[in-house]
């Protein structure tokens, strides 16, 4: 065959970088809220996350999605989900490096408690999930189930060891005997959606102390898990139950997988519809107090929604920067061209603001700042997750047509981008939740507004935004109608405060001039003249491992 052309000006694969130690903003956030030992403990994970091997696991897990097997060859119901080996490699790495339930055990170790266990986990999660986001779902739920399960100390004694383990053990078995456990949850029903009080699944007490659950769950995440938190109705009202896949006697619990959801993204992870028919479960917390119990889990999973969205934005930005630094057009590298610098710097400002706020939330978990986390977590979940699809789309466009084909990781990131804005409460639900927590009489409002006030006086544009926030709250009559506006403004003020206090002047100035000051267009890449775009872009480049 004759040669018709040479392949030139194509970008090499992005491998050999370190999305943890090589990310300046993430490193600074880690050191700000923890220490060098915390960062050093993630060295192996960071090197793995930037490797060709991990990238291949991510590709294979998404190109070979899970398959449902309802029956075995003899016709017996088994209700199992089969995953590609790459999925198990990703899960093993995440659990093995302490990204699931391990922080709870480390923080509570009676001899050597780790005061930075949750920050360590958050920094690792933000770096590692850039490889592949789908497997983060069961990792998150395993992390989040622990504080909820502690409402039932007799159950926590039995299962917490497995949930906080760094051993990943795939396959169904008696959860009391496994070295490591994975957790899921089942709340959503057809008629209810986010309105969990509309739950119709019923629970009936049995003589042995368990409950029999009957009903249908419209979305049950990670159905291959060992344990699930499930909501069902008792006479006292909505109650929370722990449902195992395998019973203590070795039999399978009734957990009928009707189908796996065919989703826009999150392809590597299984989400399912489940039928309960006399399914055994243990009561978690008090009868009729299921919503507060499950909200214990939801508050923690919302933290991971922010971390996951920050990771998705960072992954997309890293791809865009890598492309722009290797691709030439019109006689110069893309990264050196002024307008492309404007786009990349704008993306970098968003990424750093999201990272700073996400790790601050994890630090609040370490410090026991429940009031701060309650409100700041909801506001961050609304704003950071809501922005992610727009940011990923802009990063994809940096690659042009090369970003729109499936050989690129960008289409996977783009499909994944809307998920965290939907998970654990979509936009309106979260915005209204911000209002509930923002009551001026609440300790949550006091804690968060103190964080906002910490940066006043540093920038006139920031001060004006903080004043607008107070003005919004001073007019409660129309607050429900303006809930999204308030939630976004609160998150922007928190991000502005963190950047003014801790980021380089170029980053903080660009953020305040645009996100708070209004000197910004309706699209990304419209930073005002005089912005130090080259400095911002250079800071955002991820260093090699």
Protein backbone atom coordinates (compact mmCIF):
# COMPACT_ATOMS: atom_id res chain seq x y z
CA UNK A 1 0.00 0.00 0.00
CA UNK A 2 1.34 3.44 -0.88
CA UNK A 3 1.78 6.10 1.77
CA UNK A 4 -0.62 9.02 1.22
CA UNK A 5 0.33 11.15 4.22
CA UNK A 6 2.34 11.42 7.42
CA UNK A 7 0.69 11.57 10.83
CA UNK A 8 1.80 14.81 12.45
CA UNK A 9 0.48 17.30 14.99
CA UNK A 10 -1.48 14.62 16.88
CA UNK A 11 -1.45 14.68 20.68
CA UNK A 12 0.26 11.82 22.57
CA UNK A 13 -1.73 9.85 25.16
CA UNK A 14 -2.09 11.50 28.55
CA UNK A 15 -0.22 9.08 30.83
CA UNK A 16 2.52 9.36 33.41
CA UNK A 17 1.02 12.33 35.24
CA UNK A 18 -0.07 12.52 38.89
CA UNK A 19 -3.58 13.96 39.39
CA UNK A 20 -2.97 14.24 43.13
CA UNK A 21 0.60 15.40 43.84
CA UNK A 22 0.83 17.03 40.40
CA UNK A 23 -2.22 19.25 40.94
CA UNK A 24 -1.03 22.45 42.62
CA UNK A 25 -4.47 23.58 43.84
CA UNK A 26 -5.28 20.14 45.26
CA UNK A 27 -1.89 19.88 46.99
CA UNK A 28 -2.33 23.29 48.57
CA UNK A 29 -5.84 22.41 49.78
CA UNK A 30 -4.52 19.18 51.29
CA UNK A 31 -1.67 20.94 53.10
CA UNK A 32 -4.01 23.72 54.22
CA UNK A 33 -6.42 21.34 55.90
CA UNK A 34 -4.09 18.45 56.73
CA UNK A 35 -0.30 17.97 56.44
CA UNK A 36 2.61 16.54 54.45
CA UNK A 37 2.12 13.05 55.88
CA UNK A 38 -1.44 13.03 54.57
CA UNK A 39 -0.27 14.00 51.10
CA UNK A 40 2.63 11.54 51.15
CA UNK A 41 0.25 8.70 52.06
CA UNK A 42 -1.46 9.17 48.67
CA UNK A 43 1.73 8.92 46.61
CA UNK A 44 1.07 5.39 45.37
CA UNK A 45 -2.55 6.15 44.51
CA UNK A 46 -1.58 9.29 42.57
CA UNK A 47 0.97 7.41 40.50
CA UNK A 48 -1.57 4.69 39.73
CA UNK A 49 -4.26 7.22 38.81
CA UNK A 50 -2.06 8.73 36.10
CA UNK A 51 -0.89 5.42 34.69
CA UNK A 52 -1.73 3.79 31.37
CA UNK A 53 -2.98 0.76 33.31
CA UNK A 54 -5.61 2.74 35.22
CA UNK A 55 -6.72 4.51 32.04
CA UNK A 56 -7.21 1.11 30.41
CA UNK A 57 -9.29 -0.12 33.36
CA UNK A 58 -11.51 2.94 32.96
CA UNK A 59 -11.95 2.34 29.25
CA UNK A 60 -12.72 -1.36 29.62
CA UNK A 61 -15.17 -0.86 32.49
CA UNK A 62 -17.19 1.56 30.38
CA UNK A 63 -17.02 -0.38 27.13
CA UNK A 64 -18.13 -3.57 28.93
CA UNK A 65 -21.04 -2.48 31.13
CA UNK A 66 -22.54 -4.74 33.82
CA UNK A 67 -24.92 -7.52 32.83
CA UNK A 68 -27.91 -8.81 34.77
CA UNK A 69 -28.30 -12.55 35.38
CA UNK A 70 -31.69 -13.22 36.95
CA UNK A 71 -31.51 -17.04 36.87
CA UNK A 72 -28.87 -19.75 36.77
CA UNK A 73 -28.81 -22.55 34.16
CA UNK A 74 -31.18 -24.72 36.21
CA UNK A 75 -33.83 -21.99 36.49
CA UNK A 76 -33.12 -20.93 40.06
CA UNK A 77 -33.37 -17.21 40.71
CA UNK A 78 -29.94 -15.70 41.49
CA UNK A 79 -30.34 -11.96 40.74
CA UNK A 80 -26.66 -11.30 40.16
CA UNK A 81 -24.84 -8.56 38.26
CA UNK A 82 -21.69 -9.48 36.38
CA UNK A 83 -18.90 -6.95 35.89
CA UNK A 84 -15.85 -6.83 33.69
CA UNK A 85 -12.59 -7.58 35.56
CA UNK A 86 -11.53 -3.96 35.02
CA UNK A 87 -14.39 -2.84 37.28
CA UNK A 88 -13.07 -5.01 40.08
CA UNK A 89 -9.58 -3.58 39.58
CA UNK A 90 -10.96 -0.07 39.98
CA UNK A 91 -12.97 -1.05 43.05
CA UNK A 92 -10.02 -2.86 44.58
CA UNK A 93 -7.79 0.17 44.15
CA UNK A 94 -10.37 2.59 45.59
CA UNK A 95 -11.23 0.45 48.62
CA UNK A 96 -7.63 -0.62 49.13
CA UNK A 97 -6.45 2.98 49.32
CA UNK A 98 -9.08 3.89 51.93
CA UNK A 99 -11.59 5.76 49.77
CA UNK A 100 -14.63 3.84 51.03
CA UNK A 101 -15.48 3.46 54.73
CA UNK A 102 -11.94 3.44 56.14
CA UNK A 103 -11.85 7.11 57.32
CA UNK A 104 -14.44 6.42 60.02
CA UNK A 105 -12.26 3.74 61.57
CA UNK A 106 -9.09 5.82 61.22
CA UNK A 107 -10.68 8.89 62.77
CA UNK A 108 -12.03 6.86 65.70
CA UNK A 109 -8.97 4.71 66.33
CA UNK A 110 -8.70 4.78 70.16
CA UNK A 111 -4.89 4.54 70.11
CA UNK A 112 -3.87 6.60 67.06
CA UNK A 113 -6.80 8.62 65.73
CA UNK A 114 -6.15 10.31 62.40
CA UNK A 115 -7.39 13.92 62.63
CA UNK A 116 -7.21 14.27 58.83
CA UNK A 117 -8.81 10.98 57.79
CA UNK A 118 -11.64 12.58 55.82
CA UNK A 119 -9.42 15.15 54.09
CA UNK A 120 -7.03 12.37 53.09
CA UNK A 121 -9.91 10.39 51.68
CA UNK A 122 -11.35 13.45 49.86
CA UNK A 123 -8.03 14.35 48.23
CA UNK A 124 -7.56 10.74 47.15
CA UNK A 125 -11.15 10.48 45.92
CA UNK A 126 -10.85 13.68 43.87
CA UNK A 127 -7.66 12.43 42.26
CA UNK A 128 -8.54 8.78 41.76
CA UNK A 129 -12.07 9.18 40.39
CA UNK A 130 -10.69 11.18 37.48
CA UNK A 131 -9.74 7.76 36.13
CA UNK A 132 -13.35 6.54 36.05
CA UNK A 133 -16.36 7.96 37.86
CA UNK A 134 -18.89 5.12 37.70
CA UNK A 135 -17.28 2.94 40.36
CA UNK A 136 -17.28 5.93 42.71
CA UNK A 137 -20.99 5.30 43.40
CA UNK A 138 -20.59 2.16 45.57
CA UNK A 139 -17.40 3.62 47.06
CA UNK A 140 -19.37 6.69 48.13
CA UNK A 141 -22.31 4.75 49.53
CA UNK A 142 -20.03 2.48 51.53
CA UNK A 143 -18.42 5.60 52.99
CA UNK A 144 -21.77 7.23 53.70
CA UNK A 145 -23.57 4.27 55.26
CA UNK A 146 -21.34 4.16 58.36
CA UNK A 147 -22.64 7.26 60.22
CA UNK A 148 -26.23 6.25 59.43
CA UNK A 149 -25.68 2.70 60.65
CA UNK A 150 -24.34 3.99 63.95
CA UNK A 151 -27.95 4.85 64.80
CA UNK A 152 -28.28 1.09 65.35
CA UNK A 153 -25.24 0.25 67.54
CA UNK A 154 -26.06 -3.46 67.57
CA UNK A 155 -25.82 -3.53 63.76
CA UNK A 156 -22.76 -1.28 63.65
CA UNK A 157 -20.90 -3.72 65.91
CA UNK A 158 -21.56 -6.53 63.44
CA UNK A 159 -20.97 -4.78 60.11
CA UNK A 160 -18.80 -1.71 60.65
CA UNK A 161 -15.56 -3.69 60.54
CA UNK A 162 -16.36 -4.86 57.01
CA UNK A 163 -17.63 -1.47 55.86
CA UNK A 164 -14.48 0.32 57.06
CA UNK A 165 -12.10 -2.33 55.72
CA UNK A 166 -9.53 -1.73 53.00
CA UNK A 167 -10.20 -5.20 51.58
CA UNK A 168 -12.38 -5.50 48.49
CA UNK A 169 -14.12 -8.86 48.20
CA UNK A 170 -16.45 -9.29 45.24
CA UNK A 171 -19.26 -11.83 45.24
CA UNK A 172 -22.20 -12.60 47.51
CA UNK A 173 -21.65 -14.24 50.89
CA UNK A 174 -22.83 -13.87 54.47
CA UNK A 175 -21.75 -10.27 55.20
CA UNK A 176 -20.65 -11.24 58.71
CA UNK A 177 -17.93 -13.44 57.22
CA UNK A 178 -16.50 -11.20 54.48
CA UNK A 179 -13.25 -9.28 54.88
CA UNK A 180 -14.72 -6.22 53.20
CA UNK A 181 -18.26 -5.02 52.50
CA UNK A 182 -19.82 -2.71 49.93
CA UNK A 183 -23.07 -0.84 50.62
CA UNK A 184 -25.88 0.57 48.50
CA UNK A 185 -29.24 2.20 49.10
CA UNK A 186 -32.82 1.95 47.95
CA UNK A 187 -35.01 5.01 48.51
CA UNK A 188 -36.58 6.15 45.26
CA UNK A 189 -39.93 4.80 44.15
CA UNK A 190 -41.94 5.45 40.97
CA UNK A 191 -44.49 7.69 42.60
CA UNK A 192 -42.14 9.52 44.97
CA UNK A 193 -38.83 10.49 43.43
CA UNK A 194 -37.20 12.86 45.92
CA UNK A 195 -40.36 12.84 48.05
CA UNK A 196 -39.32 9.87 50.16
CA UNK A 197 -42.24 10.40 52.53
CA UNK A 198 -44.42 9.09 49.69
CA UNK A 199 -42.76 5.66 50.08
CA UNK A 200 -45.25 2.80 49.67
CA UNK A 201 -42.95 -0.13 50.51
CA UNK A 202 -44.27 -1.74 53.69
CA UNK A 203 -42.45 -3.42 56.56
CA UNK A 204 -43.94 -5.92 59.01
CA UNK A 205 -42.22 -7.07 62.21
CA UNK A 206 -41.27 -10.73 62.54
CA UNK A 207 -40.87 -12.75 65.75
CA UNK A 208 -37.09 -13.07 65.22
CA UNK A 209 -36.58 -9.30 65.41
CA UNK A 210 -36.26 -8.73 61.67
CA UNK A 211 -38.83 -7.09 59.40
CA UNK A 212 -40.39 -8.32 56.18
CA UNK A 213 -40.33 -5.66 53.44
CA UNK A 214 -42.70 -5.68 50.47
CA UNK A 215 -42.57 -3.13 47.66
CA UNK A 216 -40.70 -1.84 44.64
CA UNK A 217 -37.72 0.50 44.39
CA UNK A 218 -37.39 2.47 41.17
CA UNK A 219 -33.68 3.26 41.58
CA UNK A 220 -31.43 1.04 43.65
CA UNK A 221 -27.79 1.87 43.11
CA UNK A 222 -25.03 -0.72 43.04
CA UNK A 223 -27.30 -3.80 43.38
CA UNK A 224 -24.26 -6.11 43.65
CA UNK A 225 -23.53 -4.66 47.10
CA UNK A 226 -23.64 -6.66 50.34
CA UNK A 227 -25.90 -4.34 52.37
CA UNK A 228 -28.48 -1.66 51.59
CA UNK A 229 -30.18 1.11 53.49
CA UNK A 230 -33.85 0.99 52.47
CA UNK A 231 -36.89 3.06 53.41
CA UNK A 232 -40.24 1.42 54.18
CA UNK A 233 -43.45 2.31 56.01
CA UNK A 234 -44.32 1.18 59.54
CA UNK A 235 -47.36 2.29 61.48
CA UNK A 236 -45.19 5.00 63.01
CA UNK A 237 -44.21 6.31 59.56
CA UNK A 238 -41.29 6.04 57.16
CA UNK A 239 -38.54 3.96 58.73
CA UNK A 240 -35.02 2.92 57.74
CA UNK A 241 -33.86 -0.67 57.37
CA UNK A 242 -30.60 -2.47 56.67
CA UNK A 243 -31.20 -5.12 54.02
CA UNK A 244 -28.54 -7.79 53.30
CA UNK A 245 -28.24 -9.63 49.99
CA UNK A 246 -27.26 -12.80 51.84
CA UNK A 247 -28.90 -13.92 55.05
CA UNK A 248 -26.99 -15.18 58.11
CA UNK A 249 -28.04 -18.77 57.34
CA UNK A 250 -26.39 -18.55 53.92
CA UNK A 251 -29.61 -18.23 51.90
CA UNK A 252 -30.21 -15.43 49.43
CA UNK A 253 -32.49 -12.68 50.63
CA UNK A 254 -35.44 -11.87 48.36
CA UNK A 255 -33.93 -9.14 46.21
CA UNK A 256 -35.41 -9.46 42.75
CA UNK A 257 -33.60 -7.41 40.16
CA UNK A 258 -36.27 -6.52 37.60
CA UNK A 259 -33.90 -4.76 35.22
CA UNK A 260 -30.79 -2.59 35.05
CA UNK A 261 -31.33 1.03 34.08
CA UNK A 262 -30.15 2.07 30.61
CA UNK A 263 -28.54 5.37 31.59
CA UNK A 264 -27.15 8.37 29.75
CA UNK A 265 -23.81 7.95 31.50
CA UNK A 266 -22.42 6.12 34.52
CA UNK A 267 -22.22 3.13 32.19
CA UNK A 268 -19.75 1.09 34.21
CA UNK A 269 -21.99 1.14 37.29
CA UNK A 270 -25.21 -0.82 37.70
CA UNK A 271 -28.43 0.90 38.76
CA UNK A 272 -31.52 -1.23 39.08
CA UNK A 273 -35.18 -1.69 39.84
CA UNK A 274 -35.70 -4.06 42.76
CA UNK A 275 -38.74 -5.97 43.97
CA UNK A 276 -39.03 -6.81 47.69
CA UNK A 277 -41.41 -9.62 48.62
CA UNK A 278 -41.04 -10.55 52.26
CA UNK A 279 -37.44 -9.35 52.10
CA UNK A 280 -35.65 -9.48 55.45
CA UNK A 281 -34.27 -6.30 56.97
CA UNK A 282 -33.15 -4.91 60.32
CA UNK A 283 -34.53 -1.64 61.69
CA UNK A 284 -32.01 1.23 61.77
CA UNK A 285 -32.86 3.87 64.36
CA UNK A 286 -36.32 4.48 65.74
CA UNK A 287 -39.59 3.47 64.01
CA UNK A 288 -40.97 6.38 62.01
CA UNK A 289 -37.59 8.15 62.02
CA UNK A 290 -36.35 6.79 58.72
CA UNK A 291 -35.96 10.13 56.99
CA UNK A 292 -33.52 11.56 59.57
CA UNK A 293 -31.62 8.28 59.47
CA UNK A 294 -31.28 8.24 55.71
CA UNK A 295 -30.42 11.96 55.69
CA UNK A 296 -27.38 11.02 57.76
CA UNK A 297 -26.24 9.10 54.71
CA UNK A 298 -27.42 11.71 52.21
CA UNK A 299 -25.42 14.50 53.87
CA UNK A 300 -22.27 12.46 53.37
CA UNK A 301 -23.05 11.42 49.82
CA UNK A 302 -23.64 15.08 48.94
CA UNK A 303 -20.05 15.75 49.95
CA UNK A 304 -19.02 13.19 47.35
CA UNK A 305 -21.29 14.77 44.75
CA UNK A 306 -19.18 17.91 45.13
CA UNK A 307 -15.92 15.97 45.15
CA UNK A 308 -17.01 13.93 42.14
CA UNK A 309 -18.02 16.99 40.15
CA UNK A 310 -14.77 18.74 41.06
CA UNK A 311 -12.94 15.61 39.89
CA UNK A 312 -14.89 15.52 36.61
CA UNK A 313 -14.09 19.18 35.90
CA UNK A 314 -10.45 18.64 36.82
CA UNK A 315 -10.20 15.58 34.54
CA UNK A 316 -11.73 17.50 31.64
CA UNK A 317 -9.44 20.49 32.25
CA UNK A 318 -6.40 18.23 32.37
CA UNK A 319 -7.35 16.71 29.01
CA UNK A 320 -7.87 20.17 27.51
CA UNK A 321 -4.55 21.48 28.82
CA UNK A 322 -2.70 18.41 27.59
CA UNK A 323 -4.18 18.82 24.12
CA UNK A 324 -3.52 22.55 23.95
CA UNK A 325 0.10 22.14 25.02
CA UNK A 326 0.81 19.60 22.25
CA UNK A 327 -1.40 20.74 19.37
CA UNK A 328 -0.40 23.49 16.94
CA UNK A 329 -2.67 25.65 14.81
CA UNK A 330 -1.99 28.73 12.73
CA UNK A 331 1.72 28.55 13.45
CA UNK A 332 1.66 28.31 17.26
CA UNK A 333 0.75 25.95 20.07
CA UNK A 334 -2.88 26.29 21.08
CA UNK A 335 -1.91 26.99 24.69
CA UNK A 336 0.10 30.06 23.61
CA UNK A 337 -2.72 31.67 21.66
CA UNK A 338 -4.47 34.46 23.60
CA UNK A 339 -8.07 33.40 23.08
CA UNK A 340 -7.36 29.77 23.93
CA UNK A 341 -5.53 30.96 27.04
CA UNK A 342 -8.68 32.84 28.00
CA UNK A 343 -10.77 29.66 27.71
CA UNK A 344 -8.28 27.48 29.57
CA UNK A 345 -7.78 30.04 32.33
CA UNK A 346 -11.53 30.38 32.78
CA UNK A 347 -11.83 26.60 33.14
CA UNK A 348 -8.89 26.57 35.54
CA UNK A 349 -10.49 29.20 37.78
CA UNK A 350 -13.67 27.13 37.97
CA UNK A 351 -11.69 23.99 38.74
CA UNK A 352 -9.67 25.57 41.51
CA UNK A 353 -12.76 27.12 43.11
CA UNK A 354 -14.53 23.75 43.07
CA UNK A 355 -11.50 21.95 44.49
CA UNK A 356 -10.99 24.47 47.28
CA UNK A 357 -14.62 24.26 48.40
CA UNK A 358 -14.79 20.46 48.14
CA UNK A 359 -11.73 19.93 50.36
CA UNK A 360 -12.98 22.57 52.81
CA UNK A 361 -16.15 20.49 53.20
CA UNK A 362 -14.07 17.38 53.92
CA UNK A 363 -12.14 19.34 56.54
CA UNK A 364 -15.46 20.20 58.16
CA UNK A 365 -16.16 16.46 58.38
CA UNK A 366 -12.84 15.96 60.18
CA UNK A 367 -13.49 18.87 62.53
CA UNK A 368 -17.03 17.81 63.38
CA UNK A 369 -18.44 21.03 61.92
CA UNK A 370 -21.85 19.49 61.30
CA UNK A 371 -23.64 22.84 61.20
CA UNK A 372 -21.27 24.23 58.57
CA UNK A 373 -21.40 21.05 56.52
CA UNK A 374 -25.19 20.90 56.59
CA UNK A 375 -25.59 24.21 54.75
CA UNK A 376 -22.31 24.66 52.90
CA UNK A 377 -22.54 21.09 51.60
CA UNK A 378 -25.99 21.69 50.15
CA UNK A 379 -25.03 25.01 48.55
CA UNK A 380 -21.85 23.53 47.09
CA UNK A 381 -23.75 20.49 45.83
CA UNK A 382 -26.15 22.79 44.00
CA UNK A 383 -23.65 25.17 42.42
CA UNK A 384 -20.61 23.00 41.69
CA UNK A 385 -22.60 20.09 40.29
CA UNK A 386 -24.86 22.39 38.27
CA UNK A 387 -21.86 24.01 36.56
CA UNK A 388 -20.10 20.78 35.64
CA UNK A 389 -21.82 19.92 32.30
CA UNK A 390 -21.08 23.39 30.90
CA UNK A 391 -17.45 23.18 31.94
CA UNK A 392 -16.92 19.69 30.53
CA UNK A 393 -18.56 20.72 27.25
CA UNK A 394 -16.13 23.65 26.94
CA UNK A 395 -13.15 21.41 27.68
CA UNK A 396 -14.38 18.95 25.06
CA UNK A 397 -14.54 21.74 22.50
CA UNK A 398 -10.87 22.56 23.10
CA UNK A 399 -10.11 19.22 21.42
CA UNK A 400 -12.45 19.98 18.52
CA UNK A 401 -13.57 16.86 16.66
CA UNK A 402 -10.94 14.83 18.51
CA UNK A 403 -12.91 15.41 21.70
CA UNK A 404 -16.19 14.28 20.17
CA UNK A 405 -15.13 10.75 19.26
CA UNK A 406 -15.29 7.80 21.62
CA UNK A 407 -11.52 7.21 21.52
CA UNK A 408 -11.33 10.33 23.69
CA UNK A 409 -12.26 10.23 27.37
CA UNK A 410 -14.23 13.49 26.99
CA UNK A 411 -17.50 11.91 25.75
CA UNK A 412 -17.51 9.69 28.85
CA UNK A 413 -16.92 12.71 31.09
CA UNK A 414 -19.64 14.65 29.27
CA UNK A 415 -22.21 11.88 29.76
CA UNK A 416 -21.22 11.61 33.39
CA UNK A 417 -21.29 15.36 34.06
CA UNK A 418 -25.04 15.84 34.82
CA UNK A 419 -25.29 12.93 37.25
CA UNK A 420 -24.14 14.55 40.49
CA UNK A 421 -26.58 17.40 39.96
CA UNK A 422 -29.39 14.82 39.96
CA UNK A 423 -28.12 12.35 42.55
CA UNK A 424 -29.12 13.01 46.17
CA UNK A 425 -31.58 15.70 45.18
CA UNK A 426 -31.82 17.56 41.89
CA UNK A 427 -31.47 21.32 41.59
CA UNK A 428 -34.80 22.49 43.01
CA UNK A 429 -34.72 20.02 45.88
CA UNK A 430 -31.23 21.13 46.90
CA UNK A 431 -31.95 24.85 46.50
CA UNK A 432 -34.99 24.58 48.74
CA UNK A 433 -32.94 22.55 51.22
CA UNK A 434 -30.44 25.42 51.30
CA UNK A 435 -33.27 27.72 52.36
CA UNK A 436 -34.32 25.34 55.12
CA UNK A 437 -30.79 25.27 56.48
CA UNK A 438 -30.27 29.00 55.88
CA UNK A 439 -32.82 30.19 58.41
CA UNK A 440 -31.06 33.13 60.05
CA UNK A 441 -31.76 31.64 63.46
CA UNK A 442 -29.97 28.43 62.59
CA UNK A 443 -26.47 27.53 63.71
CA UNK A 444 -25.78 26.37 60.15
CA UNK A 445 -26.40 29.87 58.81
CA UNK A 446 -24.21 31.36 61.53
CA UNK A 447 -21.33 28.99 60.75
CA UNK A 448 -21.47 29.54 57.00
CA UNK A 449 -21.90 33.31 57.16
CA UNK A 450 -18.86 33.45 59.45
CA UNK A 451 -16.88 31.80 56.65
CA UNK A 452 -18.22 34.36 54.20
CA UNK A 453 -17.29 37.23 56.52
CA UNK A 454 -13.72 35.92 56.87
CA UNK A 455 -12.75 37.46 53.52
CA UNK A 456 -14.62 40.76 53.69
CA UNK A 457 -12.40 43.74 53.10
CA UNK A 458 -10.08 41.85 50.76
CA UNK A 459 -11.89 42.76 47.52
CA UNK A 460 -14.61 45.31 46.79
CA UNK A 461 -16.37 42.98 44.34
CA UNK A 462 -16.46 40.23 46.93
CA UNK A 463 -17.80 42.64 49.55
CA UNK A 464 -20.59 43.68 47.18
CA UNK A 465 -21.51 40.04 46.57
CA UNK A 466 -21.62 39.33 50.31
CA UNK A 467 -23.87 42.36 50.74
CA UNK A 468 -26.18 41.04 48.00
CA UNK A 469 -26.38 37.72 49.82
CA UNK A 470 -27.45 39.43 53.04
CA UNK A 471 -29.99 41.50 51.11
CA UNK A 472 -31.47 38.37 49.54
CA UNK A 473 -31.90 36.80 52.96
CA UNK A 474 -33.46 39.95 54.38
CA UNK A 475 -36.46 39.62 52.06
CA UNK A 476 -37.97 36.22 52.99
CA UNK A 477 -41.30 36.71 51.22
CA UNK A 478 -40.05 35.60 47.80
CA UNK A 479 -37.24 33.30 48.94
CA UNK A 480 -38.72 30.04 47.59
CA UNK A 481 -38.99 31.61 44.14
CA UNK A 482 -35.39 32.83 44.40
CA UNK A 483 -33.99 29.67 46.00
CA UNK A 484 -31.64 28.84 43.14
CA UNK A 485 -30.28 32.38 43.06
CA UNK A 486 -29.60 32.29 46.80
CA UNK A 487 -27.99 28.84 46.72
CA UNK A 488 -25.68 29.82 43.87
CA UNK A 489 -24.72 33.14 45.43
CA UNK A 490 -23.96 31.48 48.74
CA UNK A 491 -21.69 28.93 47.06
CA UNK A 492 -19.95 31.63 45.04
CA UNK A 493 -19.31 33.64 48.20
CA UNK A 494 -17.84 30.59 49.91
CA UNK A 495 -15.59 29.92 46.93
CA UNK A 496 -14.60 33.59 46.74
CA UNK A 497 -13.74 33.63 50.42
CA UNK A 498 -11.50 30.58 50.09
CA UNK A 499 -9.73 31.89 47.00
CA UNK A 500 -9.16 35.35 48.48
CA UNK A 501 -7.70 33.81 51.60
CA UNK A 502 -5.58 31.09 50.01
CA UNK A 503 -5.20 31.25 46.20
CA UNK A 504 -2.71 33.34 44.20
CA UNK A 505 -3.87 36.84 43.43
CA UNK A 506 -4.34 36.09 39.73
CA UNK A 507 -6.85 33.32 40.44
CA UNK A 508 -8.76 35.20 43.14
CA UNK A 509 -8.88 38.38 41.03
CA UNK A 510 -10.22 36.53 37.97
CA UNK A 511 -12.87 34.83 40.11
CA UNK A 512 -14.04 38.04 41.77
CA UNK A 513 -14.00 40.03 38.53
CA UNK A 514 -16.22 37.52 36.74
CA UNK A 515 -18.23 35.29 39.06
CA UNK A 516 -18.88 38.10 41.55
CA UNK A 517 -18.18 41.36 39.73
CA UNK A 518 -20.12 40.78 36.54
CA UNK A 519 -17.23 41.51 34.14
CA UNK A 520 -17.89 38.25 32.33
CA UNK A 521 -19.78 37.08 29.27
CA UNK A 522 -22.47 34.45 29.05
CA UNK A 523 -19.95 31.83 27.91
CA UNK A 524 -16.57 30.65 29.16
CA UNK A 525 -13.45 32.24 27.74
CA UNK A 526 -14.64 35.79 28.36
CA UNK A 527 -12.26 36.81 31.15
CA UNK A 528 -11.65 40.58 31.09
CA UNK A 529 -8.59 42.19 29.55
CA UNK A 530 -5.64 42.28 31.91
CA UNK A 531 -6.36 38.88 33.47
CA UNK A 532 -3.13 36.96 34.08
CA UNK A 533 -4.26 34.05 31.94
CA UNK A 534 -0.79 32.61 31.28
CA UNK A 535 -0.07 32.48 35.01
CA UNK A 536 -3.40 30.80 35.74
CA UNK A 537 -2.92 28.24 32.96
CA UNK A 538 0.63 27.39 34.05
CA UNK A 539 -0.59 26.82 37.59
CA UNK A 540 -3.28 24.44 36.36
CA UNK A 541 -0.96 22.14 34.39
CA UNK A 542 -0.65 18.76 36.12
CA UNK A 543 2.95 17.76 36.75
CA UNK A 544 4.30 14.32 35.76
CA UNK A 545 4.31 11.56 38.33
